[in-house]
Amino acid sequence: MTLPLLTQEAIDSLIFIFLRVSAMIVVMPIFGGDRSIPVVIKGGIAIFITFMLFPFVKINQEYQSLGFISMFVGMISEILVGIVIGLVARFIFAGIQFAGELIGFQMGFSVVNAIDPMTSTQVSLISQFQYFMAILIFLILNVHHVFLSAIAESFDKIAPLQFHMSGKLIQTICIYSKDIFVIAVKISAPVLAVLIFTNTALGIVARTVPQINIFIMGFPLQIALGLIFIGLTAPVFVNYSASLFKNISNQVHMLIMLM
């Protein structure tokens, strides 16, 4: 399909499409949320998707009649649409990383951190391990295709300048955001339970046999048990993460319908 002539209206539409697409890419962990990915690559992805969608987006002939303030508000609304779509994946990955933080802290890895490419902050090694595992599952299941389809669908459901921030939308986003803690608890619970029982047992031993140096014995034991049970629960982690990603399509569609 050939591109429409680049009239003023077409250029305005192109800008609105780019703003919506780039906002989603910036928020999503895979496409652009990772700060280790150069800005040039992120921008290139956004421009490529923009030109792929451009022929299919209906051009509004009334763009030129809008004032500066209306155009500015319209641009902000397009950015918000992209952010809302990308937030679903962001919440899931945040929950997975939070679970790794809880496990790493309990294992004694709070002083052994790595740089998180998403936020450029120091995070637990376990958190980074689970984050990269989640990325592999995300890509294997082709969940990134869901977001590409969603951003295309959003232009059918929400034309440029037609974004509506409803109370129901805000409520739904809040419901999805609380899943960060639910996901973290479900993923970390088995390992945390073992480590808590281990700490309790070490405390009892320290009280009954004071001659034993619990600090020397406790740290290696916690790390070893933590790694063992992370390995044993890996299939559960994979299956649970896959179930979360498979439900993303419904969540994104719900948000689009509420906008």
Protein backbone atom coordinates (compact mmCIF):
# COMPACT_ATOMS: atom_id res chain seq x y z
CA MET A 1 0.00 0.00 0.00
CA THR A 2 1.35 3.42 -0.92
CA LEU A 3 1.69 6.20 1.60
CA PRO A 4 -0.79 9.08 1.42
CA LEU A 5 0.51 12.39 0.14
CA LEU A 6 2.28 14.28 2.89
CA THR A 7 -0.19 17.11 3.21
CA GLN A 8 -0.35 19.18 6.38
CA GLU A 9 -3.11 16.93 7.72
CA ALA A 10 -1.03 13.84 6.95
CA ILE A 11 2.00 15.28 8.73
CA ASP A 12 -0.16 16.04 11.77
CA SER A 13 -1.44 12.46 11.78
CA LEU A 14 2.12 11.17 11.45
CA ILE A 15 3.14 13.17 14.50
CA PHE A 16 0.22 11.85 16.56
CA ILE A 17 0.99 8.26 15.56
CA PHE A 18 4.66 8.69 16.44
CA LEU A 19 3.83 10.14 19.86
CA ARG A 20 1.52 7.23 20.73
CA VAL A 21 3.94 4.57 19.49
CA SER A 22 7.04 6.11 21.08
CA ALA A 23 5.27 6.48 24.45
CA MET A 24 4.42 2.77 24.45
CA ILE A 25 7.99 1.88 23.50
CA VAL A 26 9.49 4.03 26.26
CA VAL A 27 7.30 2.41 28.92
CA MET A 28 7.60 -1.21 27.80
CA PRO A 29 10.52 -3.20 29.27
CA ILE A 30 11.30 -5.02 26.02
CA PHE A 31 11.22 -2.34 23.33
CA GLY A 32 12.58 0.71 25.07
CA GLY A 33 12.23 0.52 28.84
CA ASP A 34 15.74 -0.92 28.96
CA ARG A 35 18.16 2.00 29.28
CA SER A 36 21.01 -0.12 27.93
CA ILE A 37 19.37 0.12 24.49
CA PRO A 38 20.66 3.21 22.63
CA VAL A 39 18.17 6.01 22.07
CA VAL A 40 18.85 5.82 18.33
CA ILE A 41 17.58 2.22 18.24
CA LYS A 42 14.50 3.09 20.29
CA GLY A 43 13.75 6.01 18.01
CA GLY A 44 14.32 3.86 14.94
CA ILE A 45 11.84 1.26 16.19
CA ALA A 46 9.26 3.98 16.90
CA ILE A 47 9.72 5.55 13.46
CA PHE A 48 9.51 2.17 11.71
CA ILE A 49 6.27 1.22 13.48
CA THR A 50 4.88 4.72 12.82
CA PHE A 51 5.37 4.45 9.06
CA MET A 52 3.96 0.91 9.08
CA LEU A 53 0.75 2.15 10.74
CA PHE A 54 0.51 5.46 8.89
CA PRO A 55 -1.36 4.19 5.77
CA PHE A 56 -4.03 2.55 7.93
CA VAL A 57 -4.82 5.48 10.22
CA LYS A 58 -7.70 7.70 9.18
CA ILE A 59 -6.52 11.26 8.59
CA ASN A 60 -8.61 13.90 10.31
CA GLN A 61 -9.13 16.94 8.09
CA GLU A 62 -9.81 19.19 11.09
CA TYR A 63 -6.28 19.22 12.49
CA GLN A 64 -5.40 22.53 10.87
CA SER A 65 -8.40 24.27 12.44
CA LEU A 66 -7.20 23.41 15.94
CA GLY A 67 -5.46 26.04 18.02
CA PHE A 68 -2.06 25.64 19.65
CA ILE A 69 -3.50 24.68 23.04
CA SER A 70 -5.83 22.08 21.52
CA MET A 71 -2.96 20.57 19.53
CA PHE A 72 -0.75 20.48 22.63
CA VAL A 73 -3.47 18.77 24.68
CA GLY A 74 -3.97 16.33 21.81
CA MET A 75 -0.27 15.48 21.81
CA ILE A 76 -0.33 14.86 25.56
CA SER A 77 -3.37 12.61 25.15
CA GLU A 78 -1.57 10.54 22.49
CA ILE A 79 1.37 10.08 24.83
CA LEU A 80 -1.00 8.97 27.59
CA VAL A 81 -2.60 6.36 25.32
CA GLY A 82 0.81 4.84 24.58
CA ILE A 83 1.80 4.89 28.24
CA VAL A 84 -1.41 3.18 29.34
CA ILE A 85 -0.93 0.38 26.79
CA GLY A 86 2.68 -0.21 27.85
CA LEU A 87 1.92 -0.14 31.57
CA VAL A 88 0.45 -3.66 31.57
CA ALA A 89 3.80 -5.24 30.71
CA ARG A 90 5.60 -2.82 33.01
CA PHE A 91 3.52 -3.93 36.00
CA ILE A 92 4.20 -7.63 35.38
CA PHE A 93 7.95 -7.15 35.03
CA ALA A 94 7.98 -4.93 38.13
CA GLY A 95 6.28 -7.71 40.11
CA ILE A 96 8.80 -10.28 38.88
CA GLN A 97 11.73 -8.04 39.77
CA PHE A 98 10.23 -7.27 43.17
CA ALA A 99 10.03 -11.01 43.86
CA GLY A 100 13.73 -11.30 43.04
CA GLU A 101 14.48 -8.42 45.40
CA LEU A 102 12.67 -10.17 48.25
CA ILE A 103 14.46 -13.46 47.62
CA GLY A 104 17.86 -11.81 47.21
CA PHE A 105 17.48 -9.83 50.43
CA GLN A 106 16.52 -12.92 52.40
CA MET A 107 19.45 -14.87 50.92
CA GLY A 108 21.88 -12.17 52.02
CA PHE A 109 22.48 -10.70 48.57
CA SER A 110 21.49 -7.20 49.65
CA VAL A 111 25.15 -6.12 49.43
CA VAL A 112 25.77 -7.91 46.11
CA ASN A 113 23.92 -5.93 43.46
CA ALA A 114 23.95 -5.41 39.71
CA ILE A 115 22.93 -2.45 37.56
CA ASP A 116 19.36 -2.72 36.32
CA PRO A 117 19.32 -1.72 32.62
CA MET A 118 15.69 -0.55 32.94
CA THR A 119 16.24 1.99 35.71
CA SER A 120 20.07 2.30 35.90
CA THR A 121 19.84 1.54 39.62
CA GLN A 122 21.39 -1.25 41.67
CA VAL A 123 19.19 -4.31 42.10
CA SER A 124 19.63 -7.82 43.46
CA LEU A 125 21.35 -10.42 41.30
CA ILE A 126 18.33 -12.68 41.77
CA SER A 127 16.06 -9.88 40.58
CA GLN A 128 18.14 -9.47 37.42
CA PHE A 129 18.17 -13.22 36.82
CA GLN A 130 14.38 -13.44 37.04
CA TYR A 131 14.00 -10.32 34.88
CA PHE A 132 16.03 -11.85 32.05
CA MET A 133 14.18 -15.15 32.43
CA ALA A 134 10.91 -13.24 32.08
CA ILE A 135 12.20 -11.49 28.95
CA LEU A 136 12.98 -14.87 27.36
CA ILE A 137 9.49 -16.16 28.19
CA PHE A 138 7.98 -12.90 26.88
CA LEU A 139 9.76 -13.25 23.54
CA ILE A 140 9.23 -17.01 23.20
CA LEU A 141 5.47 -16.53 23.61
CA ASN A 142 5.53 -13.65 21.07
CA VAL A 143 3.86 -11.35 23.57
CA HIS A 144 5.51 -8.38 21.87
CA HIS A 145 3.21 -9.11 18.92
CA VAL A 146 0.27 -8.49 21.26
CA PHE A 147 1.45 -4.94 21.89
CA LEU A 148 2.11 -4.26 18.23
CA SER A 149 -1.44 -5.43 17.49
CA ALA A 150 -2.77 -3.41 20.41
CA ILE A 151 -1.17 -0.16 19.27
CA ALA A 152 -2.65 -0.73 15.80
CA GLU A 153 -6.07 -1.57 17.27
CA SER A 154 -5.95 1.53 19.45
CA PHE A 155 -6.17 3.77 16.37
CA ASP A 156 -9.43 2.04 15.39
CA LYS A 157 -10.92 2.40 18.87
CA ILE A 158 -9.31 5.71 19.86
CA ALA A 159 -8.80 8.13 17.00
CA PRO A 160 -6.22 10.89 17.48
CA LEU A 161 -7.51 13.57 19.88
CA GLN A 162 -10.27 11.23 21.11
CA PHE A 163 -8.59 9.97 24.32
CA HIS A 164 -10.84 10.02 27.39
CA MET A 165 -9.47 9.58 30.92
CA SER A 166 -12.42 8.03 32.71
CA GLY A 167 -12.74 7.05 36.34
CA LYS A 168 -13.18 3.42 35.29
CA LEU A 169 -9.86 3.56 33.41
CA ILE A 170 -8.01 4.92 36.45
CA GLN A 171 -9.64 2.29 38.67
CA THR A 172 -8.60 -0.50 36.29
CA ILE A 173 -5.00 0.77 36.16
CA CYS A 174 -4.91 0.81 39.97
CA ILE A 175 -6.21 -2.77 40.04
CA TYR A 176 -3.50 -3.87 37.61
CA SER A 177 -0.83 -2.00 39.58
CA LYS A 178 -1.62 -3.84 42.79
CA ASP A 179 -0.80 -7.07 40.95
CA ILE A 180 2.86 -6.07 41.36
CA PHE A 181 2.70 -7.18 44.99
CA VAL A 182 0.53 -10.22 44.28
CA ILE A 183 2.97 -11.43 41.62
CA ALA A 184 5.95 -10.79 43.89
CA VAL A 185 4.47 -12.76 46.78
CA LYS A 186 3.39 -15.71 44.63
CA ILE A 187 6.80 -16.05 42.96
CA SER A 188 8.91 -15.54 46.07
CA ALA A 189 6.74 -17.41 48.61
CA PRO A 190 8.28 -20.93 48.25
CA VAL A 191 11.87 -19.73 48.54
CA LEU A 192 11.07 -17.21 51.28
CA ALA A 193 9.30 -19.90 53.32
CA VAL A 194 12.39 -22.14 53.21
CA LEU A 195 14.73 -19.28 54.10
CA ILE A 196 12.54 -18.11 56.97
CA PHE A 197 12.43 -21.64 58.43
CA THR A 198 16.21 -21.82 57.98
CA ASN A 199 16.70 -18.56 59.87
CA THR A 200 14.40 -19.79 62.62
CA ALA A 201 16.36 -23.04 62.91
CA LEU A 202 19.66 -21.16 63.00
CA GLY A 203 18.30 -18.93 65.74
CA ILE A 204 17.32 -21.95 67.81
CA VAL A 205 20.77 -23.50 67.29
CA ALA A 206 22.44 -20.24 68.29
CA ARG A 207 20.49 -20.20 71.55
CA THR A 208 21.05 -23.85 72.41
CA VAL A 209 24.68 -24.16 71.25
CA PRO A 210 26.34 -20.74 71.71
CA GLN A 211 29.76 -22.13 70.73
CA ILE A 212 28.69 -22.44 67.07
CA ASN A 213 29.41 -19.37 64.95
CA ILE A 214 26.04 -18.94 63.28
CA PHE A 215 27.20 -16.08 61.05
CA ILE A 216 29.89 -18.18 59.39
CA MET A 217 27.56 -21.14 58.94
CA GLY A 218 24.38 -19.21 58.20
CA PHE A 219 25.35 -17.16 55.14
CA PRO A 220 26.59 -20.06 52.98
CA LEU A 221 23.62 -22.17 54.08
CA GLN A 222 21.10 -19.48 53.13
CA ILE A 223 22.72 -18.88 49.76
CA ALA A 224 22.93 -22.59 48.99
CA LEU A 225 19.33 -23.30 50.00
CA GLY A 226 18.12 -20.21 48.15
CA LEU A 227 19.82 -21.23 44.90
CA ILE A 228 18.65 -24.83 45.24
CA PHE A 229 15.01 -23.87 45.73
CA ILE A 230 15.17 -21.23 42.99
CA GLY A 231 16.22 -24.06 40.70
CA LEU A 232 13.54 -26.42 42.02
CA THR A 233 10.80 -23.82 41.61
CA ALA A 234 12.02 -22.67 38.17
CA PRO A 235 9.32 -24.68 36.30
CA VAL A 236 6.68 -23.08 38.52
CA PHE A 237 8.15 -19.65 37.80
CA VAL A 238 8.11 -20.30 34.06
CA ASN A 239 4.52 -21.58 34.05
CA TYR A 240 3.26 -18.73 36.23
CA SER A 241 5.06 -16.08 34.15
CA ALA A 242 3.66 -17.65 30.97
CA SER A 243 0.13 -17.50 32.40
CA LEU A 244 0.61 -13.81 33.23
CA PHE A 245 1.84 -13.01 29.73
CA LYS A 246 -0.94 -14.99 28.08
CA ASN A 247 -3.49 -12.85 29.93
CA ILE A 248 -1.88 -9.60 28.78
CA SER A 249 -3.99 -9.48 25.61
CA ASN A 250 -7.23 -9.32 27.62
CA GLN A 251 -5.84 -6.66 29.96
CA VAL A 252 -4.60 -4.44 27.15
CA HIS A 253 -7.89 -4.82 25.26
CA MET A 254 -9.79 -3.83 28.41
CA LEU A 255 -7.73 -0.65 28.81
CA ILE A 256 -8.21 0.28 25.15
CA MET A 257 -11.98 -0.12 25.47
CA LEU A 258 -12.00 2.14 28.55
CA MET A 259 -10.05 4.98 26.89
